[in-house]
Amino acid sequence: MSNTLHLQDLYIYPVKSLGGIRLQEATIEARGLRHDRRWLIVNERNQFMTQRQTAEMALLQVAPAHNGFIITHRNRPDLLPLFVPFEATPERSLFVTIWDDFVFAWRGELAADEWLSEALGCICRLVYMSDMAMRPVDPELNPADAVVSFADAYPFLLIGQGSLDELNNRLTEPVPMNRFRPNLVFSGGLAHTEDTWQEFRIGDLSFRAVEACGRCVVTTINQNTAHKNPETLRTLASYRTLGGKVMFGQNVTGPGYGQLQIGDELTVVTYK
């Protein structure tokens, strides 16, 4: 494995827990990569929905479109593609719950609510996090003014390709990186070398690896079929358990602005 580290892949997930889009270059904003997890699906009680409880969300693919994206259902050709703009308007608003946070959000189009309710077989709504919404990153570990989108807790998730290769060497059925939903994937270095980093740079931009990412049942869900295979999480748990949690990848905070592109060099500045 090469000791030279480079940014191999960039991903955004416009809707939390739906399919991702691989980019050649991306703009960094205060909450992470531009357009990443700014949309969220909530149930009729305005509580966030993910593949943890609704594995069928894996069947909703996302593709880029002009000033927005298109959602399609892998197994339902009768559902015409749904276009969603990258940003909503403040015409209708509500408060939604994501983990322990109570967040102000704008409603999407009623047509999107109807499409998603039909696709997922339950009443749900599509909501958007505007720049007005304040969802702080845990201030005990981060600057007090750091904010995050509808991602679980941090602006970025970083994983090394070597870490996935190590896992796949232990699995009877190798899995792709989309099981782990990273924003930043790098090549080079040993498996799980990212666990040892503290401060690092991508190009000339500074990032900080805050803590390892605890993994859940989503890692067992085939993103093409929505079928679960417990081997992935069980195998990870056999060699990646720390403090009762299964760890894979690093939660990361960033500079709040800048540009990234595939091929950028990574440089580790300090270690934990």
Protein backbone atom coordinates (compact mmCIF):
# COMPACT_ATOMS: atom_id res chain seq x y z
CA MET A 1 0.00 0.00 0.00
CA SER A 2 1.36 3.41 -0.97
CA ASN A 3 2.26 5.85 1.81
CA THR A 4 1.13 8.74 -0.37
CA LEU A 5 -2.42 9.77 0.51
CA HIS A 6 -4.85 11.17 -2.04
CA LEU A 7 -8.55 12.00 -2.10
CA GLN A 8 -10.05 9.12 -4.07
CA ASP A 9 -13.80 9.80 -3.86
CA LEU A 10 -16.17 12.63 -2.92
CA TYR A 11 -19.81 11.92 -2.08
CA ILE A 12 -22.85 13.95 -1.14
CA TYR A 13 -26.19 12.58 0.01
CA PRO A 14 -28.75 15.31 -0.76
CA VAL A 15 -31.43 13.48 1.27
CA LYS A 16 -30.35 11.84 4.50
CA SER A 17 -30.35 8.02 4.20
CA LEU A 18 -31.07 7.98 0.45
CA GLY A 19 -28.55 7.24 -2.29
CA GLY A 20 -25.42 9.31 -2.79
CA ILE A 21 -23.90 11.21 -5.70
CA ARG A 22 -20.18 10.89 -6.51
CA LEU A 23 -18.60 14.22 -7.44
CA GLN A 24 -15.37 15.15 -9.17
CA GLU A 25 -15.14 18.34 -7.12
CA ALA A 26 -17.13 19.83 -4.27
CA THR A 27 -17.57 23.11 -2.43
CA ILE A 28 -17.20 23.18 1.35
CA GLU A 29 -19.65 25.24 3.38
CA ALA A 30 -20.19 25.71 7.10
CA ARG A 31 -22.23 22.47 7.43
CA GLY A 32 -20.01 20.31 5.23
CA LEU A 33 -20.06 19.67 1.49
CA ARG A 34 -22.56 21.84 -0.37
CA HIS A 35 -25.97 20.13 -0.73
CA ASP A 36 -25.02 17.27 1.59
CA ARG A 37 -27.93 16.07 3.76
CA ARG A 38 -29.84 19.33 3.59
CA TRP A 39 -33.04 17.38 2.91
CA LEU A 40 -34.62 14.96 5.37
CA ILE A 41 -37.59 12.60 5.28
CA VAL A 42 -39.76 12.71 8.41
CA ASN A 43 -42.76 10.64 9.47
CA GLU A 44 -46.21 11.92 10.40
CA ARG A 45 -44.88 12.88 13.85
CA ASN A 46 -42.11 14.93 12.16
CA GLN A 47 -39.44 12.53 13.41
CA PHE A 48 -36.51 11.74 11.13
CA MET A 49 -36.52 8.54 9.10
CA THR A 50 -33.48 6.50 8.10
CA GLN A 51 -32.63 3.06 6.77
CA ARG A 52 -32.17 1.94 10.37
CA GLN A 53 -35.94 1.54 10.68
CA THR A 54 -36.96 1.71 7.00
CA ALA A 55 -34.53 -0.37 4.95
CA GLU A 56 -36.60 0.27 1.80
CA MET A 57 -35.11 3.77 1.70
CA ALA A 58 -32.05 2.09 0.15
CA LEU A 59 -34.11 1.50 -3.00
CA LEU A 60 -34.49 5.25 -3.62
CA GLN A 61 -31.70 6.29 -5.95
CA VAL A 62 -30.52 9.88 -6.34
CA ALA A 63 -29.05 11.33 -9.53
CA PRO A 64 -27.88 14.88 -10.28
CA ALA A 65 -30.04 17.23 -12.33
CA HIS A 66 -29.92 20.92 -13.19
CA ASN A 67 -30.21 22.91 -9.92
CA GLY A 68 -31.36 19.81 -8.08
CA PHE A 69 -31.57 16.05 -8.18
CA ILE A 70 -33.89 13.25 -9.27
CA ILE A 71 -35.14 10.44 -7.05
CA THR A 72 -36.17 7.12 -8.60
CA HIS A 73 -37.30 3.81 -7.13
CA ARG A 74 -35.25 0.78 -8.20
CA ASN A 75 -38.23 -1.58 -8.16
CA ARG A 76 -41.14 0.72 -9.04
CA PRO A 77 -41.00 1.89 -12.66
CA ASP A 78 -44.61 2.99 -12.20
CA LEU A 79 -43.34 5.81 -9.99
CA LEU A 80 -42.18 8.54 -12.35
CA PRO A 81 -38.87 10.19 -11.40
CA LEU A 82 -39.24 12.88 -8.75
CA PHE A 83 -37.32 16.14 -9.24
CA VAL A 84 -36.24 17.96 -6.08
CA PRO A 85 -34.47 21.34 -6.16
CA PHE A 86 -31.31 21.73 -4.12
CA GLU A 87 -33.06 24.35 -1.99
CA ALA A 88 -36.61 24.84 -0.74
CA THR A 89 -38.58 28.05 -0.17
CA PRO A 90 -39.77 29.37 3.20
CA GLU A 91 -43.45 29.28 2.28
CA ARG A 92 -44.23 26.49 4.75
CA SER A 93 -42.18 25.58 7.82
CA LEU A 94 -42.24 23.25 10.80
CA PHE A 95 -40.00 21.82 13.50
CA VAL A 96 -38.57 18.31 13.11
CA THR A 97 -36.76 15.94 15.45
CA ILE A 98 -33.44 14.35 14.56
CA TRP A 99 -31.80 12.41 17.37
CA ASP A 100 -31.94 14.77 20.36
CA ASP A 101 -32.19 17.92 18.26
CA PHE A 102 -35.33 19.95 17.55
CA VAL A 103 -34.67 21.71 14.23
CA PHE A 104 -36.53 24.39 12.26
CA ALA A 105 -37.11 23.27 8.66
CA TRP A 106 -38.88 24.30 5.48
CA ARG A 107 -41.38 22.00 3.82
CA GLY A 108 -40.78 20.62 0.35
CA GLU A 109 -43.46 20.33 -2.31
CA LEU A 110 -46.64 18.42 -1.53
CA ALA A 111 -45.99 16.32 -4.64
CA ALA A 112 -42.73 15.12 -3.08
CA ASP A 113 -44.52 14.15 0.13
CA GLU A 114 -47.06 12.15 -1.86
CA TRP A 115 -44.38 10.45 -3.99
CA LEU A 116 -42.29 9.44 -0.98
CA SER A 117 -45.33 8.26 0.97
CA GLU A 118 -46.26 6.00 -1.93
CA ALA A 119 -42.68 4.79 -2.40
CA LEU A 120 -42.15 3.96 1.27
CA GLY A 121 -45.67 2.83 2.12
CA CYS A 122 -46.18 5.26 4.99
CA ILE A 123 -47.09 8.90 5.53
CA CYS A 124 -43.95 11.00 5.29
CA ARG A 125 -42.78 14.49 4.43
CA LEU A 126 -39.69 15.97 2.80
CA VAL A 127 -38.13 18.89 4.68
CA TYR A 128 -35.16 21.17 4.07
CA MET A 129 -32.60 22.73 6.42
CA SER A 130 -32.12 26.37 5.50
CA ASP A 131 -29.13 28.48 6.47
CA MET A 132 -31.37 30.00 9.17
CA ALA A 133 -31.52 26.71 11.09
CA MET A 134 -28.95 26.32 13.85
CA ARG A 135 -27.97 22.72 14.64
CA PRO A 136 -24.68 22.86 16.55
CA VAL A 137 -22.01 20.20 16.53
CA ASP A 138 -21.33 18.84 20.04
CA PRO A 139 -19.58 21.83 21.68
CA GLU A 140 -17.65 19.58 24.09
CA LEU A 141 -15.56 18.30 21.18
CA ASN A 142 -15.76 21.16 18.70
CA PRO A 143 -15.75 24.95 18.35
CA ALA A 144 -18.89 26.43 19.88
CA ASP A 145 -20.00 27.96 16.58
CA ALA A 146 -19.69 24.77 14.48
CA VAL A 147 -22.95 23.65 12.83
CA VAL A 148 -24.05 20.52 11.00
CA SER A 149 -26.69 19.57 8.44
CA PHE A 150 -29.08 16.61 8.87
CA ALA A 151 -26.01 14.34 9.05
CA ASP A 152 -25.93 12.30 12.25
CA ALA A 153 -23.54 14.56 14.13
CA TYR A 154 -20.59 15.89 12.10
CA PRO A 155 -20.00 17.76 8.82
CA PHE A 156 -17.82 15.04 7.23
CA LEU A 157 -17.20 11.30 7.41
CA LEU A 158 -13.76 10.12 6.27
CA ILE A 159 -12.82 6.52 5.40
CA GLY A 160 -9.67 5.06 3.88
CA GLN A 161 -9.98 2.62 1.00
CA GLY A 162 -7.50 0.45 2.88
CA SER A 163 -9.94 0.14 5.76
CA LEU A 164 -12.66 -1.22 3.48
CA ASP A 165 -10.14 -3.55 1.82
CA GLU A 166 -9.23 -4.94 5.24
CA LEU A 167 -12.88 -5.60 6.05
CA ASN A 168 -13.52 -7.23 2.68
CA ASN A 169 -10.56 -9.55 3.21
CA ARG A 170 -12.45 -10.90 6.22
CA LEU A 171 -15.90 -11.19 4.58
CA THR A 172 -17.25 -14.09 2.52
CA GLU A 173 -19.16 -11.51 0.43
CA PRO A 174 -17.24 -8.24 -0.09
CA VAL A 175 -19.23 -5.02 0.28
CA PRO A 176 -18.91 -1.66 -1.51
CA MET A 177 -18.11 1.63 0.20
CA ASN A 178 -21.74 2.78 -0.08
CA ARG A 179 -22.59 0.65 2.97
CA PHE A 180 -20.74 3.25 5.07
CA ARG A 181 -21.91 6.50 3.44
CA PRO A 182 -18.67 8.53 3.62
CA ASN A 183 -18.15 12.00 2.21
CA LEU A 184 -14.39 11.65 1.84
CA VAL A 185 -12.56 8.50 0.74
CA PHE A 186 -8.78 8.47 0.47
CA SER A 187 -6.29 6.05 -1.04
CA GLY A 188 -2.92 5.11 0.38
CA GLY A 189 -1.75 4.22 3.88
CA LEU A 190 -2.49 1.23 6.07
CA ALA A 191 -5.95 0.03 7.05
CA HIS A 192 -7.56 2.31 9.65
CA THR A 193 -4.66 4.76 9.57
CA GLU A 194 -7.30 7.51 9.81
CA ASP A 195 -7.93 6.43 13.42
CA THR A 196 -4.52 7.83 14.37
CA TRP A 197 -4.97 11.27 12.81
CA GLN A 198 -5.90 14.47 14.56
CA GLU A 199 -5.19 17.42 12.29
CA PHE A 200 -4.77 16.86 8.56
CA ARG A 201 -4.92 18.80 5.30
CA ILE A 202 -6.54 18.06 1.98
CA GLY A 203 -4.75 20.27 -0.48
CA ASP A 204 -4.29 23.47 1.53
CA LEU A 205 -7.48 23.06 3.61
CA SER A 206 -7.32 22.06 7.27
CA PHE A 207 -9.50 19.33 8.80
CA ARG A 208 -9.77 17.69 12.21
CA ALA A 209 -10.58 14.06 12.93
CA VAL A 210 -12.77 14.32 16.03
CA GLU A 211 -13.74 10.76 16.89
CA ALA A 212 -14.36 7.35 15.37
CA CYS A 213 -17.77 6.71 13.83
CA GLY A 214 -19.95 4.14 15.58
CA ARG A 215 -21.68 1.90 13.05
CA CYS A 216 -25.20 0.53 12.96
CA VAL A 217 -27.49 -1.85 11.07
CA VAL A 218 -27.28 0.28 7.90
CA THR A 219 -23.91 -1.36 7.20
CA THR A 220 -25.76 -4.67 6.75
CA ILE A 221 -28.20 -3.35 4.11
CA ASN A 222 -27.50 -4.03 0.44
CA GLN A 223 -28.03 -0.63 -1.20
CA ASN A 224 -29.26 -2.26 -4.42
CA THR A 225 -31.82 -4.63 -2.92
CA ALA A 226 -32.51 -3.41 0.66
CA HIS A 227 -31.80 -6.96 1.87
CA LYS A 228 -29.87 -7.34 5.14
CA ASN A 229 -26.87 -9.57 5.77
CA PRO A 230 -25.63 -9.41 9.37
CA GLU A 231 -22.15 -10.65 8.39
CA THR A 232 -20.85 -7.13 7.73
CA LEU A 233 -21.53 -5.76 11.20
CA ARG A 234 -20.76 -9.04 12.94
CA THR A 235 -17.34 -9.21 11.26
CA LEU A 236 -16.58 -5.58 12.00
CA ALA A 237 -17.53 -6.15 15.63
CA SER A 238 -15.00 -8.99 15.86
CA TYR A 239 -12.05 -6.63 15.47
CA ARG A 240 -13.38 -3.06 15.57
CA THR A 241 -15.32 -2.88 18.86
CA LEU A 242 -14.35 -0.12 21.29
CA GLY A 243 -16.36 0.90 24.32
CA GLY A 244 -19.26 -1.30 23.26
CA LYS A 245 -19.50 0.36 19.82
CA VAL A 246 -18.40 -0.91 16.41
CA MET A 247 -16.11 1.71 14.88
CA PHE A 248 -15.35 2.36 11.21
CA GLY A 249 -14.19 5.68 9.76
CA GLN A 250 -13.64 9.07 11.37
CA ASN A 251 -16.04 11.91 12.06
CA VAL A 252 -14.41 15.11 10.85
CA THR A 253 -14.85 18.87 11.08
CA GLY A 254 -13.51 21.16 8.36
CA PRO A 255 -12.61 24.69 7.43
CA GLY A 256 -16.14 25.92 6.64
CA TYR A 257 -15.20 27.02 3.12
CA GLY A 258 -13.05 25.96 0.18
CA GLN A 259 -12.94 23.55 -2.75
CA LEU A 260 -12.03 19.88 -2.93
CA GLN A 261 -11.42 17.72 -5.95
CA ILE A 262 -10.58 14.09 -6.53
CA GLY A 263 -6.82 13.64 -6.63
CA ASP A 264 -6.06 16.25 -3.95
CA GLU A 265 -3.18 15.19 -1.71
CA LEU A 266 -3.79 14.46 1.98
CA THR A 267 -1.16 15.42 4.53
CA VAL A 268 -1.32 14.40 8.20
CA VAL A 269 -0.25 17.30 10.45
CA THR A 270 -0.71 15.87 13.96
CA TYR A 271 -1.62 12.49 15.43
CA LYS A 272 -3.84 11.56 18.37
